[in-house]
Protein backbone atom coordinates (compact mmCIF):
# COMPACT_ATOMS: atom_id res chain seq x y z
CA UNK A 1 -35.03 141.40 65.35
CA UNK A 2 -32.44 143.13 63.53
CA UNK A 3 -31.69 141.70 60.16
CA UNK A 4 -28.17 140.55 59.60
CA UNK A 5 -26.46 141.10 56.40
CA UNK A 6 -24.34 138.52 54.70
CA UNK A 7 -21.83 139.90 52.32
CA UNK A 8 -21.75 137.97 49.07
CA UNK A 9 -18.78 138.42 46.82
CA UNK A 10 -18.44 137.28 43.25
CA UNK A 11 -16.34 135.40 42.39
CA UNK A 12 -16.14 133.59 45.68
CA UNK A 13 -12.87 134.01 47.54
CA UNK A 14 -11.26 130.59 47.81
CA UNK A 15 -10.07 129.34 51.10
CA UNK A 16 -6.38 128.69 51.66
CA UNK A 17 -6.92 124.90 51.46
CA UNK A 18 -8.67 125.09 48.09
CA UNK A 19 -5.91 127.40 46.71
CA UNK A 20 -3.28 124.82 47.64
CA UNK A 21 -5.35 122.05 46.07
CA UNK A 22 -5.64 124.06 42.85
CA UNK A 23 -1.88 124.64 42.87
CA UNK A 24 -1.22 120.91 43.34
CA UNK A 25 -3.66 120.07 40.56
CA UNK A 26 -1.85 122.49 38.25
CA UNK A 27 1.50 120.89 39.04
CA UNK A 28 0.13 117.41 38.30
CA UNK A 29 -1.38 118.61 35.01
CA UNK A 30 2.00 120.04 33.94
CA UNK A 31 3.70 116.79 34.88
CA UNK A 32 1.12 114.79 32.92
CA UNK A 33 1.61 117.07 29.91
CA UNK A 34 5.39 116.68 30.13
CA UNK A 35 5.13 112.87 30.28
CA UNK A 36 2.72 112.82 27.31
CA UNK A 37 5.00 114.97 25.16
CA UNK A 38 8.18 113.08 26.06
CA UNK A 39 6.52 109.72 25.39
CA UNK A 40 6.02 110.77 21.79
CA UNK A 41 9.61 111.97 21.36
CA UNK A 42 12.43 109.77 20.09
CA UNK A 43 16.03 110.41 21.04
CA UNK A 44 18.45 109.13 18.42
CA UNK A 45 21.57 107.70 20.03
CA UNK A 46 23.49 107.01 16.80
CA UNK A 47 23.45 108.33 13.26
CA UNK A 48 21.48 106.83 10.39
CA UNK A 49 22.47 103.95 8.13
CA UNK A 50 25.35 104.79 5.80
CA UNK A 51 25.48 102.74 2.59
CA UNK A 52 29.00 103.99 1.79
CA UNK A 53 30.39 102.65 5.07
CA UNK A 54 28.45 99.39 4.64
CA UNK A 55 29.80 98.86 1.10
CA UNK A 56 33.29 100.12 1.98
CA UNK A 57 33.71 97.71 4.88
CA UNK A 58 32.36 94.88 2.72
CA UNK A 59 34.94 95.80 0.07
CA UNK A 60 37.76 95.76 2.65
CA UNK A 61 36.64 92.29 3.77
CA UNK A 62 36.53 91.05 0.17
CA UNK A 63 40.05 92.36 -0.56
CA UNK A 64 41.42 90.73 2.60
CA UNK A 65 39.75 87.40 1.82
CA UNK A 66 41.11 87.51 -1.72
CA UNK A 67 44.68 88.29 -0.62
CA UNK A 68 44.84 85.76 2.20
CA UNK A 69 42.99 83.14 0.15
CA UNK A 70 45.64 83.51 -2.54
CA UNK A 71 48.38 83.33 0.10
CA UNK A 72 46.79 80.13 1.41
CA UNK A 73 46.73 78.49 -2.02
CA UNK A 74 50.15 79.84 -3.08
CA UNK A 75 52.28 80.06 0.11
CA UNK A 76 55.25 81.48 -1.77
CA UNK A 77 53.31 84.66 -2.61
CA UNK A 78 55.50 87.61 -1.59
CA UNK A 79 54.45 90.27 0.90
CA UNK A 80 52.41 92.97 -0.87
CA UNK A 81 52.83 96.46 0.57
CA UNK A 82 50.46 97.82 -2.11
CA UNK A 83 47.67 95.55 -0.82
CA UNK A 84 48.02 97.02 2.69
CA UNK A 85 48.39 100.57 1.35
CA UNK A 86 45.12 100.11 -0.55
CA UNK A 87 43.32 98.83 2.55
CA UNK A 88 44.74 101.67 4.64
CA UNK A 89 43.46 104.28 2.17
CA UNK A 90 40.01 102.66 2.17
CA UNK A 91 39.86 102.56 5.97
CA UNK A 92 41.17 106.14 6.37
CA UNK A 93 38.50 107.35 3.95
CA UNK A 94 35.75 105.47 5.80
CA UNK A 95 37.02 106.77 9.14
CA UNK A 96 36.97 110.35 7.85
CA UNK A 97 33.40 109.82 6.64
CA UNK A 98 32.40 108.48 10.06
CA UNK A 99 34.04 111.49 11.75
CA UNK A 100 32.00 113.82 9.54
CA UNK A 101 28.72 112.03 10.26
CA UNK A 102 26.78 113.25 13.32
CA UNK A 103 26.47 110.69 16.14
CA UNK A 104 28.85 108.22 14.47
CA UNK A 105 31.49 108.01 17.21
CA UNK A 106 30.85 104.30 17.75
CA UNK A 107 31.31 103.54 14.04
CA UNK A 108 34.43 105.70 13.95
CA UNK A 109 35.89 103.74 16.87
CA UNK A 110 35.07 100.43 15.16
CA UNK A 111 36.82 101.59 11.97
CA UNK A 112 39.91 102.73 13.90
CA UNK A 113 40.10 99.31 15.58
CA UNK A 114 39.70 97.58 12.20
CA UNK A 115 42.49 99.72 10.78
CA UNK A 116 44.72 98.80 13.75
CA UNK A 117 44.02 95.11 13.11
CA UNK A 118 44.99 95.52 9.46
CA UNK A 119 48.20 97.22 10.61
CA UNK A 120 49.00 94.27 12.89
CA UNK A 121 48.36 91.84 10.04
CA UNK A 122 50.65 93.92 7.81
CA UNK A 123 53.50 93.67 10.30
CA UNK A 124 52.96 89.95 10.76
CA UNK A 125 52.83 89.41 6.99
CA UNK A 126 55.96 91.51 6.49
CA UNK A 127 58.05 89.43 8.94
CA UNK A 128 56.63 86.00 8.00
CA UNK A 129 59.12 84.00 5.89
CA UNK A 130 57.97 82.59 2.55
CA UNK A 131 56.71 80.05 1.77
CA UNK A 132 54.14 80.44 4.54
CA UNK A 133 53.87 77.22 6.53
CA UNK A 134 50.96 75.85 8.52
CA UNK A 135 50.98 73.99 11.81
CA UNK A 136 49.66 70.46 12.38
CA UNK A 137 46.09 71.81 12.63
CA UNK A 138 46.47 73.59 9.26
CA UNK A 139 46.57 77.06 10.80
CA UNK A 140 48.73 79.73 9.24
CA UNK A 141 50.40 82.52 11.20
CA UNK A 142 47.52 84.73 10.03
CA UNK A 143 44.62 82.63 11.32
CA UNK A 144 44.04 84.53 14.59
CA UNK A 145 44.51 87.94 12.99
CA UNK A 146 42.07 87.11 10.21
CA UNK A 147 39.51 85.86 12.73
CA UNK A 148 39.77 89.19 14.57
CA UNK A 149 39.44 91.13 11.32
CA UNK A 150 36.38 89.09 10.30
CA UNK A 151 34.74 89.63 13.69
CA UNK A 152 35.32 93.39 13.52
CA UNK A 153 33.88 93.57 10.00
CA UNK A 154 30.91 91.49 11.12
CA UNK A 155 30.21 93.85 14.04
CA UNK A 156 30.36 96.94 11.82
CA UNK A 157 28.04 95.33 9.28
CA UNK A 158 25.61 94.17 11.99
CA UNK A 159 25.35 97.73 13.27
CA UNK A 160 24.86 99.12 9.75
CA UNK A 161 22.15 96.55 8.99
CA UNK A 162 20.39 97.35 12.27
CA UNK A 163 20.49 101.05 11.37
CA UNK A 164 19.15 100.24 7.91
CA UNK A 165 16.20 98.37 9.44
CA UNK A 166 15.69 101.12 12.01
CA UNK A 167 15.84 98.69 14.92
CA UNK A 168 15.19 99.97 18.42
CA UNK A 169 18.77 99.23 19.42
CA UNK A 170 19.78 102.27 17.40
CA UNK A 171 17.07 104.60 18.75
CA UNK A 172 15.37 104.72 22.10
CA UNK A 173 12.07 106.25 23.07
CA UNK A 174 12.52 108.72 25.86
């Protein structure tokens, strides 16, 4: 009987099915690596805490409370353009700072809205006759405008405090 020869090659030549399986395994390993790397990465959606904006907005609130508190206790107090000019300068400065801070578009928008509210209060204050009178429920013409201003300040400060604490609302894991 003639002897048959079997050709042995090294390394073994893979079959087409095993080559496809190896390709699929490689794709899954890359996907697993991509998921592992991205799970460890944080994407920051907004800039960091800014103490100057925090303190500046608090100062604006304090000035407004002082002015309108005085107007409440002394209704004959005349309109004060210098008070509004001072607030406008403070808010313009804070807005410029927010514009210069990366990823601070939300804060910039909040400051613009606060400045618009102060402008509306200025116009209302300018046209309100003195002495300022209150209605039967002891509300002045400024009550609604002040409530809006207070809410806007509160929202800015809440965001700043969340950024200061590094809460997850300010950053998200990708």
